[in-house]
Amino acid sequence: MTETARLKATVYVGGLDNAVSSRTLADAFMPFGEIVDVSLPKPELPSSTDPHRGFGYVEFELPRDAKEAIDNMDQSELYGRVIKVAPAKPQKESNEGLGSKTAIWEQVRATGSLLRSETGVFQGRC
C-alpha cells in the first residue's frame, strides 16, 4: 500500500482518556472494518507517567472503512470523554512549522517564501 493510500485509510482519534489502551481503541473501531494498526504516541518527556499523549491513530485496511469510522465516531463518547475522529494528516518534518528546532527566519531563508525587495520591504511569494 502506498503512503498516500495508508494515510487515507488512517484516522486521528483525539481527546482520549488515559485509561484508553491500544486494545480499547481497536475494540471501539472494529465495527467499521478490518484494522491494520493502532498506535498511541508516548509522551515526549521520559518523566511523564501518562501512558500516551491523549491521541492515537487507527489504520484500516480500506479508506472507505476510515470514512465510515469518522462519520460514526466523531464527537462520540469513549471512557466518559468526547473524542475527535478525523482524517489523519501527514507528519510534518521536524524542521518546519511551529515546534520546529529551526528558527523561523532560517526556515524562510531555506524556502525563500519571503523576499526582500530593493526598498527593504518584505514581499510574500505566491
N, C-alpha and C. Protein backbone atom coordinates (compact mmCIF):
# COMPACT_ATOMS: atom_id res chain seq x y z
N MET A 1 0.85 -1.18 0.00
CA MET A 1 0.00 0.00 0.00
C MET A 1 0.90 1.23 0.00
N THR A 2 0.57 2.22 -0.86
CA THR A 2 1.37 3.44 -0.92
C THR A 2 1.14 4.27 0.33
N GLU A 3 2.04 5.21 0.56
CA GLU A 3 1.93 6.09 1.73
C GLU A 3 0.65 6.91 1.67
N THR A 4 0.28 7.38 0.49
CA THR A 4 -0.95 8.15 0.32
C THR A 4 -2.18 7.30 0.64
N ALA A 5 -2.19 6.07 0.17
CA ALA A 5 -3.31 5.17 0.43
C ALA A 5 -3.39 4.84 1.93
N ARG A 6 -2.24 4.65 2.55
CA ARG A 6 -2.23 4.38 4.00
C ARG A 6 -2.81 5.56 4.77
N LEU A 7 -2.44 6.76 4.35
CA LEU A 7 -2.92 7.97 5.02
C LEU A 7 -4.44 8.09 4.90
N LYS A 8 -4.98 7.77 3.73
CA LYS A 8 -6.43 7.84 3.52
C LYS A 8 -7.17 6.79 4.33
N ALA A 9 -6.50 5.73 4.71
CA ALA A 9 -7.12 4.67 5.49
C ALA A 9 -6.87 4.82 6.99
N THR A 10 -6.26 5.94 7.39
CA THR A 10 -5.90 6.16 8.80
C THR A 10 -6.70 7.32 9.37
N VAL A 11 -7.20 7.13 10.59
CA VAL A 11 -7.93 8.20 11.27
C VAL A 11 -7.18 8.63 12.53
N TYR A 12 -7.29 9.92 12.81
CA TYR A 12 -6.77 10.51 14.05
C TYR A 12 -7.89 10.43 15.08
N VAL A 13 -7.55 10.04 16.29
CA VAL A 13 -8.53 9.99 17.38
C VAL A 13 -7.97 10.82 18.53
N GLY A 14 -8.60 11.94 18.83
CA GLY A 14 -8.12 12.84 19.88
C GLY A 14 -9.06 12.90 21.06
N GLY A 15 -8.55 13.41 22.18
CA GLY A 15 -9.34 13.57 23.39
C GLY A 15 -9.45 12.29 24.20
N LEU A 16 -8.46 11.41 24.06
CA LEU A 16 -8.53 10.12 24.74
C LEU A 16 -8.19 10.21 26.22
N ASP A 17 -8.93 9.48 27.02
CA ASP A 17 -8.65 9.35 28.44
C ASP A 17 -7.41 8.47 28.62
N ASN A 18 -6.70 8.67 29.73
CA ASN A 18 -5.50 7.86 30.00
C ASN A 18 -5.81 6.37 30.14
N ALA A 19 -7.05 6.03 30.46
CA ALA A 19 -7.42 4.62 30.62
C ALA A 19 -7.53 3.89 29.28
N VAL A 20 -7.59 4.63 28.18
CA VAL A 20 -7.72 4.01 26.86
C VAL A 20 -6.40 3.36 26.46
N SER A 21 -6.47 2.12 26.00
CA SER A 21 -5.29 1.39 25.54
C SER A 21 -5.45 1.10 24.04
N SER A 22 -4.41 0.56 23.45
CA SER A 22 -4.48 0.17 22.04
C SER A 22 -5.61 -0.84 21.82
N ARG A 23 -5.75 -1.75 22.75
CA ARG A 23 -6.79 -2.77 22.66
C ARG A 23 -8.18 -2.13 22.71
N THR A 24 -8.36 -1.17 23.64
CA THR A 24 -9.64 -0.48 23.77
C THR A 24 -9.99 0.25 22.48
N LEU A 25 -8.99 0.94 21.91
CA LEU A 25 -9.22 1.69 20.68
C LEU A 25 -9.57 0.75 19.53
N ALA A 26 -8.85 -0.36 19.43
CA ALA A 26 -9.15 -1.35 18.38
C ALA A 26 -10.56 -1.90 18.54
N ASP A 27 -10.95 -2.20 19.76
CA ASP A 27 -12.30 -2.72 20.01
C ASP A 27 -13.38 -1.70 19.64
N ALA A 28 -13.13 -0.43 19.92
CA ALA A 28 -14.11 0.62 19.64
C ALA A 28 -14.29 0.84 18.13
N PHE A 29 -13.22 0.64 17.36
CA PHE A 29 -13.27 0.92 15.93
C PHE A 29 -13.45 -0.33 15.05
N MET A 30 -13.41 -1.49 15.66
CA MET A 30 -13.54 -2.75 14.94
C MET A 30 -14.84 -2.86 14.12
N PRO A 31 -15.98 -2.33 14.59
CA PRO A 31 -17.22 -2.46 13.81
C PRO A 31 -17.16 -1.82 12.41
N PHE A 32 -16.18 -0.95 12.16
CA PHE A 32 -16.15 -0.22 10.90
C PHE A 32 -15.28 -0.87 9.83
N GLY A 33 -14.54 -1.90 10.19
CA GLY A 33 -13.73 -2.58 9.18
C GLY A 33 -12.48 -3.21 9.77
N GLU A 34 -11.75 -3.88 8.89
CA GLU A 34 -10.50 -4.56 9.28
C GLU A 34 -9.45 -3.53 9.69
N ILE A 35 -8.92 -3.67 10.90
CA ILE A 35 -7.91 -2.74 11.41
C ILE A 35 -6.53 -3.32 11.17
N VAL A 36 -5.66 -2.50 10.58
CA VAL A 36 -4.30 -2.90 10.27
C VAL A 36 -3.35 -2.57 11.43
N ASP A 37 -3.56 -1.39 12.04
CA ASP A 37 -2.65 -0.94 13.09
C ASP A 37 -3.33 0.09 13.98
N VAL A 38 -2.96 0.10 15.25
CA VAL A 38 -3.39 1.12 16.21
C VAL A 38 -2.15 1.63 16.90
N SER A 39 -2.01 2.95 16.96
CA SER A 39 -0.85 3.50 17.68
C SER A 39 -1.29 4.62 18.60
N LEU A 40 -0.69 4.63 19.78
CA LEU A 40 -0.89 5.67 20.78
C LEU A 40 0.48 6.27 21.10
N PRO A 41 0.81 7.43 20.50
CA PRO A 41 2.13 8.01 20.74
C PRO A 41 2.40 8.25 22.23
N LYS A 42 3.59 7.89 22.64
CA LYS A 42 4.01 8.05 24.04
C LYS A 42 4.38 9.50 24.33
N PRO A 43 4.29 9.92 25.58
CA PRO A 43 4.71 11.28 25.95
C PRO A 43 6.19 11.49 25.62
N GLU A 44 6.52 12.73 25.25
CA GLU A 44 7.90 13.04 24.90
C GLU A 44 8.81 13.10 26.11
N LEU A 45 8.26 13.50 27.25
CA LEU A 45 9.08 13.60 28.46
C LEU A 45 9.22 12.23 29.12
N PRO A 46 10.45 11.79 29.35
CA PRO A 46 10.64 10.48 29.99
C PRO A 46 10.06 10.42 31.40
N SER A 47 9.95 11.57 32.06
CA SER A 47 9.44 11.59 33.43
C SER A 47 7.92 11.51 33.50
N SER A 48 7.23 11.60 32.36
CA SER A 48 5.77 11.57 32.35
C SER A 48 5.27 10.19 32.76
N THR A 49 4.20 10.19 33.55
CA THR A 49 3.60 8.92 33.96
C THR A 49 2.38 8.57 33.10
N ASP A 50 2.04 9.46 32.16
CA ASP A 50 0.90 9.19 31.28
C ASP A 50 1.24 8.07 30.30
N PRO A 51 0.28 7.18 30.03
CA PRO A 51 0.55 6.06 29.11
C PRO A 51 0.64 6.49 27.64
N HIS A 52 0.00 7.64 27.31
CA HIS A 52 0.04 8.17 25.94
C HIS A 52 -0.23 9.66 25.99
N ARG A 53 -0.22 10.31 24.83
CA ARG A 53 -0.35 11.76 24.75
C ARG A 53 -1.79 12.24 24.57
N GLY A 54 -2.76 11.36 24.72
CA GLY A 54 -4.16 11.77 24.63
C GLY A 54 -4.74 11.67 23.23
N PHE A 55 -3.97 11.12 22.31
CA PHE A 55 -4.49 10.90 20.96
C PHE A 55 -3.86 9.65 20.39
N GLY A 56 -4.45 9.18 19.30
CA GLY A 56 -3.93 7.98 18.66
C GLY A 56 -4.34 7.92 17.20
N TYR A 57 -3.91 6.86 16.55
CA TYR A 57 -4.22 6.66 15.14
C TYR A 57 -4.72 5.23 14.95
N VAL A 58 -5.74 5.08 14.12
CA VAL A 58 -6.26 3.77 13.77
C VAL A 58 -6.16 3.65 12.25
N GLU A 59 -5.42 2.65 11.80
CA GLU A 59 -5.28 2.42 10.36
C GLU A 59 -6.16 1.25 9.95
N PHE A 60 -7.00 1.50 8.96
CA PHE A 60 -7.90 0.48 8.43
C PHE A 60 -7.32 -0.13 7.16
N GLU A 61 -7.85 -1.27 6.79
CA GLU A 61 -7.46 -1.93 5.55
C GLU A 61 -7.91 -1.11 4.34
N LEU A 62 -9.11 -0.51 4.43
CA LEU A 62 -9.69 0.22 3.31
C LEU A 62 -10.03 1.66 3.69
N PRO A 63 -9.78 2.62 2.79
CA PRO A 63 -10.12 4.02 3.07
C PRO A 63 -11.61 4.24 3.37
N ARG A 64 -12.49 3.47 2.73
CA ARG A 64 -13.92 3.67 2.99
C ARG A 64 -14.28 3.29 4.43
N ASP A 65 -13.54 2.36 5.02
CA ASP A 65 -13.77 2.00 6.43
C ASP A 65 -13.37 3.16 7.34
N ALA A 66 -12.29 3.85 6.98
CA ALA A 66 -11.85 5.01 7.76
C ALA A 66 -12.91 6.10 7.71
N LYS A 67 -13.46 6.34 6.53
CA LYS A 67 -14.51 7.36 6.38
C LYS A 67 -15.73 6.98 7.20
N GLU A 68 -16.09 5.72 7.19
CA GLU A 68 -17.23 5.23 7.98
C GLU A 68 -16.98 5.46 9.48
N ALA A 69 -15.77 5.20 9.92
CA ALA A 69 -15.41 5.42 11.33
C ALA A 69 -15.50 6.90 11.69
N ILE A 70 -15.03 7.77 10.81
CA ILE A 70 -15.10 9.21 11.07
C ILE A 70 -16.55 9.64 11.18
N ASP A 71 -17.37 9.22 10.20
CA ASP A 71 -18.78 9.61 10.18
C ASP A 71 -19.54 9.15 11.43
N ASN A 72 -19.17 8.00 11.97
CA ASN A 72 -19.91 7.44 13.09
C ASN A 72 -19.30 7.73 14.47
N MET A 73 -18.00 7.94 14.54
CA MET A 73 -17.35 8.07 15.85
C MET A 73 -16.98 9.50 16.25
N ASP A 74 -16.91 10.42 15.29
CA ASP A 74 -16.56 11.80 15.65
C ASP A 74 -17.61 12.37 16.61
N GLN A 75 -17.14 12.97 17.68
CA GLN A 75 -17.97 13.57 18.73
C GLN A 75 -18.74 12.53 19.54
N SER A 76 -18.29 11.27 19.49
CA SER A 76 -18.90 10.24 20.33
C SER A 76 -18.16 10.22 21.67
N GLU A 77 -18.61 9.38 22.57
CA GLU A 77 -18.02 9.33 23.90
C GLU A 77 -17.29 8.01 24.11
N LEU A 78 -16.08 8.11 24.66
CA LEU A 78 -15.28 6.93 24.99
C LEU A 78 -14.66 7.15 26.36
N TYR A 79 -14.94 6.27 27.28
CA TYR A 79 -14.48 6.40 28.67
C TYR A 79 -14.86 7.76 29.27
N GLY A 80 -16.08 8.20 28.98
CA GLY A 80 -16.59 9.43 29.57
C GLY A 80 -16.08 10.71 28.93
N ARG A 81 -15.33 10.61 27.85
CA ARG A 81 -14.81 11.81 27.18
C ARG A 81 -15.26 11.84 25.73
N VAL A 82 -15.60 13.04 25.25
CA VAL A 82 -15.98 13.21 23.86
C VAL A 82 -14.70 13.18 23.02
N ILE A 83 -14.69 12.31 22.02
CA ILE A 83 -13.49 12.17 21.20
C ILE A 83 -13.66 12.84 19.84
N LYS A 84 -12.55 13.25 19.28
CA LYS A 84 -12.50 13.83 17.94
C LYS A 84 -11.93 12.78 17.02
N VAL A 85 -12.65 12.47 15.96
CA VAL A 85 -12.17 11.49 14.97
C VAL A 85 -12.15 12.20 13.62
N ALA A 86 -10.98 12.24 13.00
CA ALA A 86 -10.79 12.97 11.75
C ALA A 86 -9.77 12.25 10.88
N PRO A 87 -9.72 12.60 9.58
CA PRO A 87 -8.68 12.01 8.75
C PRO A 87 -7.30 12.37 9.29
N ALA A 88 -6.40 11.42 9.26
CA ALA A 88 -5.03 11.69 9.72
C ALA A 88 -4.33 12.58 8.71
N LYS A 89 -3.45 13.43 9.21
CA LYS A 89 -2.67 14.33 8.34
C LYS A 89 -1.25 13.81 8.26
N PRO A 90 -0.55 14.13 7.17
CA PRO A 90 0.85 13.68 7.08
C PRO A 90 1.67 14.31 8.19
N GLN A 91 2.64 13.56 8.68
CA GLN A 91 3.51 14.06 9.74
C GLN A 91 4.43 15.13 9.18
N LYS A 92 4.54 16.25 9.91
CA LYS A 92 5.43 17.33 9.49
C LYS A 92 6.87 16.94 9.70
N GLU A 93 7.71 17.50 8.88
CA GLU A 93 9.15 17.32 9.09
C GLU A 93 9.51 18.05 10.38
N SER A 94 10.52 17.59 11.07
CA SER A 94 10.90 18.19 12.34
C SER A 94 11.47 19.59 12.17
N ASN A 95 11.77 20.00 10.95
CA ASN A 95 12.37 21.32 10.75
C ASN A 95 11.39 22.31 10.14
N GLU A 96 10.07 22.07 10.22
CA GLU A 96 9.12 23.01 9.66
C GLU A 96 8.00 23.32 10.63
N GLY A 97 7.48 24.53 10.54
CA GLY A 97 6.32 24.95 11.31
C GLY A 97 6.58 25.19 12.77
N LEU A 98 5.49 25.37 13.52
CA LEU A 98 5.60 25.61 14.95
C LEU A 98 6.18 24.38 15.63
N GLY A 99 6.98 24.60 16.63
CA GLY A 99 7.61 23.49 17.33
C GLY A 99 8.88 23.03 16.65
N SER A 100 9.24 23.71 15.58
CA SER A 100 10.45 23.35 14.85
C SER A 100 11.68 23.70 15.68
N LYS A 101 12.74 23.00 15.45
CA LYS A 101 14.00 23.29 16.12
C LYS A 101 14.81 24.31 15.32
N THR A 102 14.26 24.73 14.16
CA THR A 102 14.91 25.72 13.31
C THR A 102 14.18 27.04 13.45
N ALA A 103 14.92 28.14 13.63
CA ALA A 103 14.32 29.45 13.77
C ALA A 103 13.51 29.78 12.52
N ILE A 104 12.41 30.53 12.72
CA ILE A 104 11.53 30.85 11.60
C ILE A 104 12.27 31.58 10.49
N TRP A 105 13.22 32.46 10.84
CA TRP A 105 13.94 33.20 9.79
C TRP A 105 14.85 32.27 9.00
N GLU A 106 15.30 31.19 9.63
CA GLU A 106 16.10 30.20 8.89
C GLU A 106 15.19 29.39 7.95
N GLN A 107 13.96 29.10 8.40
CA GLN A 107 13.02 28.39 7.55
C GLN A 107 12.67 29.23 6.33
N VAL A 108 12.47 30.55 6.56
CA VAL A 108 12.14 31.46 5.47
C VAL A 108 13.30 31.52 4.49
N ARG A 109 14.50 31.61 5.01
CA ARG A 109 15.69 31.69 4.15
C ARG A 109 15.82 30.41 3.31
N ALA A 110 15.55 29.27 3.93
CA ALA A 110 15.70 27.99 3.23
C ALA A 110 14.63 27.80 2.16
N THR A 111 13.41 28.24 2.45
CA THR A 111 12.33 28.03 1.48
C THR A 111 12.20 29.18 0.51
N GLY A 112 12.71 30.36 0.89
CA GLY A 112 12.60 31.52 0.02
C GLY A 112 11.18 32.04 -0.08
N SER A 113 10.35 31.78 0.96
CA SER A 113 8.95 32.18 0.87
C SER A 113 8.74 33.67 1.08
N LEU A 114 9.70 34.36 1.64
CA LEU A 114 9.61 35.81 1.75
C LEU A 114 10.82 36.40 1.03
N LEU A 115 10.57 37.41 0.25
CA LEU A 115 11.65 38.04 -0.49
C LEU A 115 11.76 39.50 -0.07
N ARG A 116 12.97 39.99 0.07
CA ARG A 116 13.19 41.39 0.40
C ARG A 116 13.34 42.14 -0.91
N SER A 117 12.54 43.17 -1.07
CA SER A 117 12.65 43.97 -2.29
C SER A 117 13.84 44.92 -2.15
N GLU A 118 14.14 45.63 -3.19
CA GLU A 118 15.27 46.55 -3.17
C GLU A 118 15.04 47.68 -2.18
N THR A 119 13.78 47.96 -1.83
CA THR A 119 13.48 49.03 -0.89
C THR A 119 13.57 48.55 0.55
N GLY A 120 13.80 47.24 0.73
CA GLY A 120 13.91 46.70 2.08
C GLY A 120 12.60 46.18 2.64
N VAL A 121 11.54 46.25 1.84
CA VAL A 121 10.23 45.78 2.26
C VAL A 121 10.10 44.30 1.88
N PHE A 122 9.56 43.50 2.82
CA PHE A 122 9.36 42.08 2.53
C PHE A 122 8.11 41.91 1.67
N GLN A 123 8.22 41.02 0.71
CA GLN A 123 7.08 40.70 -0.14
C GLN A 123 6.89 39.19 -0.12
N GLY A 124 5.66 38.77 0.09
CA GLY A 124 5.38 37.33 0.08
C GLY A 124 5.37 36.80 -1.34
N ARG A 125 5.85 35.59 -1.50
CA ARG A 125 5.81 34.92 -2.80
C ARG A 125 4.59 34.02 -2.84
N CYS A 126 3.87 34.05 -3.93
CA CYS A 126 2.68 33.19 -4.08
C CYS A 126 3.04 31.90 -4.73
